[in-house]
Amino acid sequence: MLLGTFAIFASDLAIDLGTANTCVFARGQGIVLSEPSIVAFNTVNDRIEAVGTDAKAMVGRTPGSIAAIKPMRDGVIADFEAAERMLGYFIRKAHGRHRFVRPRVVIGVPSQITQVERRAVKDSAYRARAGEVFLVEEGMAAAIGAGLPITEACGNMIVDIGGGTTDIAVISLAGVVYSRSVRVAGNAMDEAIAQYVKREKDLLIGERTAEQVKIALGSAAPLAAPLEMEVKGRHVAEGRPVTVVLSDREVRVALEDPIRQIVQAVRNGLEQTPPELAADICDRGIVLSGGGALLRNLDQRLHDETGVPIQIAENPLSSVVLGAGRMLSDFGLLRKTCLA
């Protein structure tokens, strides 16, 4: 589709505005930025001290005058002002800090986002100097980014497990036949680990440590070889620094509840899919994307529970932003799939 000579030099951006991480795709360049969705504010002078990677390094370690804020919660904006500043920073950084660029922006959002939440995302993007804003469901964007044939008359099922939400979508003929967003994903897993360690080991750990434990030991089904790691934190009663040893079995117990909820959501999706499309999914399988897809043996657990073949997307962490980025070059597809 010809978009005019200006399209050759377009400044269009696709943004996966995630609860844990924000990825930015620039048309003609690919992914130009992938950083944590965190803003560090100086509460004394109301200035931004850091955004993204630099701000994440401050989490749990800031003095009283600096607050590390996560603008996104459960896939939607929780702090409007912080989200606006974060988006503005990322847009300027993606464009080499050119202040006068007003790009067309495609943003991936959870499927069950409310009208109020949609408006909050759009307003934040416009205030961050976006020229035109399109919202697309994360499930649809992830399916395109994972290379699924969404325009064909066959069922494609994608499960995108991000930081704040797990988005499940069944797509056929470039339309969403079924979609569901459950607010259980990577962050819920981190919280479950922190609560388990507090309850069973009398140890307080921060969210960064919990995430490291999940990455090092987390699994959805038993591993072939056991794993262990030392975890440092503060003793609940005594208040002194303590080191404990955690095993993969203990972390699997901690993760059981969020994993069970995700598995149940996938099963519900299969049950509510029309029979013909369900038959296609049985043949073609379910595709996993998002950071949660990297949890060890999650594909095996889902296969055991559903009986359906499971594949992990080639670039699970980037599927949403790659799909949204592909829409920048296919405006017809963007118009067909964007949310009103």
Protein backbone atom coordinates (compact mmCIF):
# COMPACT_ATOMS: atom_id res chain seq x y z
CA MET A 1 0.00 0.00 0.00
CA LEU A 2 1.53 3.32 -1.11
CA LEU A 3 1.70 5.78 1.75
CA GLY A 4 3.45 8.57 -0.16
CA THR A 5 7.03 9.67 -0.58
CA PHE A 6 7.21 10.76 3.07
CA ALA A 7 6.80 7.12 4.13
CA ILE A 8 10.36 6.43 2.98
CA PHE A 9 11.58 8.77 5.72
CA ALA A 10 8.81 7.93 8.16
CA SER A 11 9.44 8.28 11.86
CA ASP A 12 6.71 5.78 12.73
CA LEU A 13 7.13 3.76 15.92
CA ALA A 14 5.62 0.59 17.34
CA ILE A 15 5.64 0.31 21.14
CA ASP A 16 5.07 -2.68 23.39
CA LEU A 17 4.18 -0.76 26.54
CA GLY A 18 4.65 -3.62 28.97
CA THR A 19 4.25 -3.80 32.72
CA ALA A 20 7.84 -5.01 33.11
CA ASN A 21 9.57 -3.81 29.93
CA THR A 22 8.94 -1.36 27.09
CA CYS A 23 10.17 -2.21 23.60
CA VAL A 24 10.25 0.32 20.76
CA PHE A 25 10.39 -0.59 17.07
CA ALA A 26 11.32 2.13 14.54
CA ARG A 27 10.15 1.66 10.99
CA GLY A 28 13.07 0.79 8.74
CA GLN A 29 15.40 0.14 11.69
CA GLY A 30 13.83 -2.65 13.76
CA ILE A 31 13.91 -2.75 17.56
CA VAL A 32 15.81 0.33 18.73
CA LEU A 33 15.07 0.19 22.44
CA SER A 34 14.16 -2.37 25.09
CA GLU A 35 14.23 -1.16 28.68
CA PRO A 36 12.39 -1.72 31.98
CA SER A 37 9.15 0.27 32.42
CA ILE A 38 10.42 2.25 35.42
CA VAL A 39 10.82 5.97 36.11
CA ALA A 40 12.95 7.40 38.95
CA PHE A 41 11.55 10.74 40.18
CA ASN A 42 13.23 13.28 42.42
CA THR A 43 10.34 14.19 44.71
CA VAL A 44 12.06 17.40 45.88
CA ASN A 45 12.34 19.15 42.51
CA ASP A 46 9.94 16.92 40.48
CA ARG A 47 12.65 16.05 37.98
CA ILE A 48 13.28 12.68 36.33
CA GLU A 49 16.51 11.20 37.60
CA ALA A 50 16.48 8.12 35.39
CA VAL A 51 14.26 6.03 33.10
CA GLY A 52 14.43 2.40 32.06
CA THR A 53 17.59 0.42 32.77
CA ASP A 54 19.19 3.15 34.92
CA ALA A 55 15.98 3.51 36.95
CA LYS A 56 15.69 -0.25 37.52
CA ALA A 57 19.16 -0.27 39.09
CA MET A 58 17.76 2.15 41.69
CA VAL A 59 14.77 0.00 42.73
CA GLY A 60 14.97 -0.74 46.45
CA ARG A 61 18.12 1.34 46.77
CA THR A 62 16.90 4.93 46.48
CA PRO A 63 17.19 7.63 49.17
CA GLY A 64 14.02 9.21 50.52
CA SER A 65 14.09 12.00 47.94
CA ILE A 66 13.97 9.64 44.95
CA ALA A 67 11.00 7.41 44.14
CA ALA A 68 11.30 4.56 41.61
CA ILE A 69 7.85 4.29 40.01
CA LYS A 70 6.39 1.64 37.72
CA PRO A 71 3.79 3.51 35.62
CA MET A 72 2.22 0.28 34.36
CA ARG A 73 0.29 -2.22 36.45
CA ASP A 74 -1.40 -5.34 35.07
CA GLY A 75 -0.76 -4.15 31.53
CA VAL A 76 -2.45 -0.75 31.90
CA ILE A 77 -1.43 2.71 33.08
CA ALA A 78 -1.49 3.10 36.85
CA ASP A 79 0.40 6.43 37.05
CA PHE A 80 -0.64 8.75 34.24
CA GLU A 81 2.06 11.40 34.72
CA ALA A 82 4.90 8.89 35.06
CA ALA A 83 3.68 6.98 31.97
CA GLU A 84 3.58 10.21 29.95
CA ARG A 85 7.12 11.14 30.96
CA MET A 86 8.40 7.63 30.32
CA LEU A 87 6.79 7.48 26.86
CA GLY A 88 8.16 10.92 25.98
CA TYR A 89 11.64 9.86 27.04
CA PHE A 90 11.51 6.62 25.03
CA ILE A 91 10.10 8.35 21.92
CA ARG A 92 12.81 11.02 22.03
CA LYS A 93 15.49 8.39 22.62
CA ALA A 94 14.22 6.31 19.69
CA HIS A 95 14.48 9.38 17.44
CA GLY A 96 17.88 10.49 18.63
CA ARG A 97 16.23 13.11 20.86
CA HIS A 98 14.80 15.13 17.94
CA ARG A 99 12.17 17.25 19.64
CA PHE A 100 10.10 18.18 16.58
CA VAL A 101 9.26 14.68 15.36
CA ARG A 102 5.60 13.68 15.85
CA PRO A 103 5.52 10.00 14.85
CA ARG A 104 2.61 7.73 14.08
CA VAL A 105 2.62 5.25 16.96
CA VAL A 106 1.17 1.74 17.24
CA ILE A 107 0.86 0.50 20.83
CA GLY A 108 0.07 -3.05 21.99
CA VAL A 109 -2.47 -3.27 24.84
CA PRO A 110 -4.20 -6.15 26.72
CA SER A 111 -7.31 -7.52 25.01
CA GLN A 112 -9.72 -6.74 27.86
CA ILE A 113 -8.57 -3.17 28.40
CA THR A 114 -11.48 -0.83 29.24
CA GLN A 115 -12.45 2.28 27.29
CA VAL A 116 -11.11 4.44 30.12
CA GLU A 117 -7.79 2.58 30.07
CA ARG A 118 -7.58 2.90 26.27
CA ARG A 119 -8.10 6.63 26.56
CA ALA A 120 -5.36 6.85 29.21
CA VAL A 121 -2.87 5.11 26.91
CA LYS A 122 -3.79 7.30 23.94
CA ASP A 123 -3.67 10.51 25.96
CA SER A 124 -0.26 9.61 27.38
CA ALA A 125 1.08 8.96 23.86
CA TYR A 126 -0.35 12.21 22.48
CA ARG A 127 1.10 14.19 25.39
CA ALA A 128 4.43 12.50 24.66
CA ARG A 129 4.24 14.14 21.18
CA ALA A 130 2.86 11.26 19.12
CA GLY A 131 1.19 12.52 15.93
CA GLU A 132 -1.32 9.66 15.54
CA VAL A 133 -1.96 6.74 17.91
CA PHE A 134 -3.31 3.27 17.10
CA LEU A 135 -3.98 0.60 19.73
CA VAL A 136 -3.79 -3.09 18.83
CA GLU A 137 -4.47 -6.12 21.00
CA GLU A 138 -1.28 -7.71 22.26
CA GLY A 139 -2.51 -11.15 21.22
CA MET A 140 -2.99 -10.02 17.60
CA ALA A 141 0.38 -8.23 17.54
CA ALA A 142 2.14 -11.24 19.09
CA ALA A 143 0.58 -13.58 16.52
CA ILE A 144 1.84 -11.39 13.66
CA GLY A 145 5.26 -11.07 15.29
CA ALA A 146 5.45 -14.85 15.75
CA GLY A 147 4.80 -15.34 12.03
CA LEU A 148 1.36 -16.96 12.29
CA PRO A 149 -0.76 -16.89 9.10
CA ILE A 150 -3.45 -14.69 10.66
CA THR A 151 -5.07 -13.72 7.33
CA GLU A 152 -5.84 -17.34 6.36
CA ALA A 153 -9.15 -19.08 7.08
CA CYS A 154 -7.73 -21.26 9.85
CA GLY A 155 -7.45 -21.11 13.61
CA ASN A 156 -4.29 -19.67 15.18
CA MET A 157 -3.93 -19.60 18.96
CA ILE A 158 -1.37 -17.41 20.69
CA VAL A 159 -0.65 -17.18 24.42
CA ASP A 160 1.39 -14.07 25.27
CA ILE A 161 2.70 -14.19 28.86
CA GLY A 162 4.06 -10.78 29.74
CA GLY A 163 4.87 -9.08 33.03
CA GLY A 164 1.39 -7.98 34.09
CA THR A 165 -1.01 -9.94 31.90
CA THR A 166 -1.36 -13.19 29.98
CA ASP A 167 -3.18 -12.54 26.70
CA ILE A 168 -4.83 -15.46 24.94
CA ALA A 169 -6.21 -15.02 21.44
CA VAL A 170 -7.65 -17.21 18.69
CA ILE A 171 -7.31 -15.51 15.31
CA SER A 172 -8.71 -16.31 11.87
CA LEU A 173 -9.03 -14.18 8.71
CA ALA A 174 -7.21 -11.27 10.45
CA GLY A 175 -9.94 -11.13 13.08
CA VAL A 176 -9.98 -12.06 16.76
CA VAL A 177 -12.45 -14.91 17.28
CA TYR A 178 -11.71 -15.27 20.99
CA SER A 179 -9.60 -13.19 23.34
CA ARG A 180 -9.03 -13.16 27.05
CA SER A 181 -6.61 -11.26 29.23
CA VAL A 182 -5.86 -12.57 32.72
CA ARG A 183 -3.88 -10.41 35.12
CA VAL A 184 -1.56 -13.24 36.12
CA ALA A 185 1.88 -13.34 34.50
CA GLY A 186 5.56 -12.78 35.25
CA ASN A 187 5.06 -10.26 38.06
CA ALA A 188 2.59 -12.56 39.82
CA MET A 189 5.24 -15.31 39.65
CA ASP A 190 7.83 -13.01 41.24
CA GLU A 191 5.38 -12.09 44.00
CA ALA A 192 4.55 -15.76 44.61
CA ILE A 193 8.26 -16.56 45.05
CA ALA A 194 8.76 -13.65 47.46
CA GLN A 195 5.75 -14.73 49.54
CA TYR A 196 6.90 -18.37 49.62
CA VAL A 197 10.40 -17.41 50.78
CA LYS A 198 8.92 -15.18 53.48
CA ARG A 199 6.50 -17.89 54.64
CA GLU A 200 8.77 -20.93 54.48
CA LYS A 201 12.24 -19.42 55.06
CA ASP A 202 11.43 -16.38 57.24
CA LEU A 203 13.33 -14.29 54.69
CA LEU A 204 12.35 -10.98 53.11
CA ILE A 205 13.57 -10.54 49.52
CA GLY A 206 12.97 -7.76 46.99
CA GLU A 207 11.30 -8.07 43.61
CA ARG A 208 14.62 -8.03 41.75
CA THR A 209 15.87 -10.99 43.80
CA ALA A 210 12.57 -12.84 43.29
CA GLU A 211 12.89 -12.33 39.53
CA GLN A 212 16.47 -13.66 39.59
CA VAL A 213 15.26 -16.75 41.48
CA LYS A 214 12.51 -17.29 38.89
CA ILE A 215 15.00 -17.08 36.03
CA ALA A 216 17.58 -19.31 37.70
CA LEU A 217 15.32 -21.98 39.24
CA GLY A 218 11.77 -21.51 37.93
CA SER A 219 9.98 -24.34 36.13
CA ALA A 220 6.42 -25.50 35.47
CA ALA A 221 7.22 -29.23 35.57
CA PRO A 222 10.02 -31.31 37.17
CA LEU A 223 13.50 -30.83 35.72
CA ALA A 224 15.83 -33.57 34.53
CA ALA A 225 18.56 -32.38 36.91
CA PRO A 226 17.94 -30.55 40.22
CA LEU A 227 19.03 -26.93 40.62
CA GLU A 228 19.90 -24.87 43.69
CA MET A 229 21.00 -21.31 44.44
CA GLU A 230 21.84 -19.15 47.43
CA VAL A 231 19.42 -16.33 48.12
CA LYS A 232 20.24 -13.35 50.32
CA GLY A 233 17.74 -11.20 52.19
CA ARG A 234 16.65 -9.97 55.60
CA HIS A 235 15.37 -12.26 58.34
CA VAL A 236 11.72 -11.50 59.13
CA ALA A 237 12.00 -11.55 62.93
CA GLU A 238 15.64 -10.80 63.63
CA GLY A 239 16.18 -8.14 60.97
CA ARG A 240 19.72 -9.32 60.14
CA PRO A 241 21.02 -10.27 56.67
CA VAL A 242 20.64 -14.00 56.04
CA THR A 243 21.51 -16.39 53.21
CA VAL A 244 19.36 -19.44 52.46
CA VAL A 245 19.50 -22.15 49.79
CA LEU A 246 16.51 -22.61 47.48
CA SER A 247 15.89 -25.59 45.21
CA ASP A 248 13.99 -25.79 41.93
CA ARG A 249 11.39 -27.99 43.66
CA GLU A 250 10.65 -25.28 46.23
CA VAL A 251 10.35 -22.61 43.54
CA ARG A 252 8.04 -24.90 41.54
CA VAL A 253 5.79 -25.18 44.61
CA ALA A 254 5.82 -21.37 44.93
CA LEU A 255 4.88 -20.93 41.26
CA GLU A 256 2.10 -23.53 41.22
CA ASP A 257 -0.80 -21.12 41.76
CA PRO A 258 0.00 -18.56 39.01
CA ILE A 259 0.92 -21.35 36.59
CA ARG A 260 -2.32 -23.19 37.32
CA GLN A 261 -4.29 -20.01 36.61
CA ILE A 262 -2.54 -19.54 33.26
CA VAL A 263 -3.11 -23.19 32.31
CA GLN A 264 -6.79 -22.91 33.24
CA ALA A 265 -7.16 -19.74 31.15
CA VAL A 266 -5.70 -21.58 28.14
CA ARG A 267 -8.07 -24.50 28.69
CA ASN A 268 -11.01 -22.11 28.91
CA GLY A 269 -9.92 -20.56 25.64
CA LEU A 270 -9.84 -23.94 23.91
CA GLU A 271 -13.28 -24.80 25.29
CA GLN A 272 -14.79 -21.57 23.95
CA THR A 273 -13.21 -21.78 20.49
CA PRO A 274 -15.59 -22.80 17.63
CA PRO A 275 -15.17 -26.51 16.72
CA GLU A 276 -13.67 -25.98 13.26
CA LEU A 277 -11.05 -23.59 14.57
CA ALA A 278 -10.38 -25.86 17.57
CA ALA A 279 -9.60 -28.66 15.11
CA ASP A 280 -7.09 -26.38 13.35
CA ILE A 281 -5.43 -25.58 16.68
CA CYS A 282 -5.17 -29.30 17.51
CA ASP A 283 -3.28 -29.76 14.24
CA ARG A 284 -1.21 -26.58 14.26
CA GLY A 285 -0.65 -26.20 17.99
CA ILE A 286 -0.54 -23.24 20.37
CA VAL A 287 2.24 -20.66 20.15
CA LEU A 288 3.71 -19.15 23.34
CA SER A 289 5.26 -15.69 23.41
CA GLY A 290 6.31 -13.14 26.01
CA GLY A 291 8.93 -13.49 28.74
CA GLY A 292 6.81 -16.06 30.57
CA ALA A 293 7.17 -18.43 27.61
CA LEU A 294 10.82 -18.87 28.67
CA LEU A 295 9.86 -20.49 31.98
CA ARG A 296 11.33 -23.98 31.93
CA ASN A 297 8.95 -26.80 30.95
CA LEU A 298 5.92 -24.51 30.64
CA ASP A 299 5.39 -25.83 27.12
CA GLN A 300 5.51 -29.41 28.46
CA ARG A 301 3.04 -28.57 31.25
CA LEU A 302 0.58 -26.97 28.82
CA HIS A 303 0.88 -29.92 26.44
CA ASP A 304 0.23 -32.38 29.27
CA GLU A 305 -2.81 -30.40 30.45
CA THR A 306 -4.39 -29.68 27.05
CA GLY A 307 -3.15 -32.45 24.75
CA VAL A 308 -2.34 -29.80 22.12
CA PRO A 309 1.13 -29.33 20.57
CA ILE A 310 2.94 -26.30 22.03
CA GLN A 311 5.54 -24.16 20.27
CA ILE A 312 7.56 -21.24 21.57
CA ALA A 313 7.83 -18.21 19.27
CA GLU A 314 11.22 -17.61 17.68
CA ASN A 315 11.61 -14.28 19.50
CA PRO A 316 9.19 -14.59 22.44
CA LEU A 317 10.34 -11.41 24.20
CA SER A 318 9.88 -9.32 21.05
CA SER A 319 6.81 -10.87 19.40
CA VAL A 320 4.38 -8.06 20.31
CA VAL A 321 6.61 -5.19 19.21
CA LEU A 322 7.70 -7.03 16.03
CA GLY A 323 4.05 -7.63 15.11
CA ALA A 324 3.09 -4.02 15.83
CA GLY A 325 6.12 -2.93 13.81
CA ARG A 326 5.01 -5.02 10.85
CA MET A 327 1.69 -3.17 10.88
CA LEU A 328 3.55 0.09 10.28
CA SER A 329 4.36 -1.20 6.79
CA ASP A 330 0.88 -2.63 6.14
CA PHE A 331 -1.57 0.15 6.86
CA GLY A 332 -4.48 -1.90 5.54
CA LEU A 333 -3.81 -4.59 8.15
CA LEU A 334 -3.39 -1.92 10.84
CA ARG A 335 -6.77 -0.34 10.02
CA LYS A 336 -8.40 -3.77 10.07
CA THR A 337 -6.93 -4.88 13.40
CA CYS A 338 -6.66 -1.69 15.48
CA LEU A 339 -9.07 -1.04 18.33
CA ALA A 340 -11.67 1.69 17.88
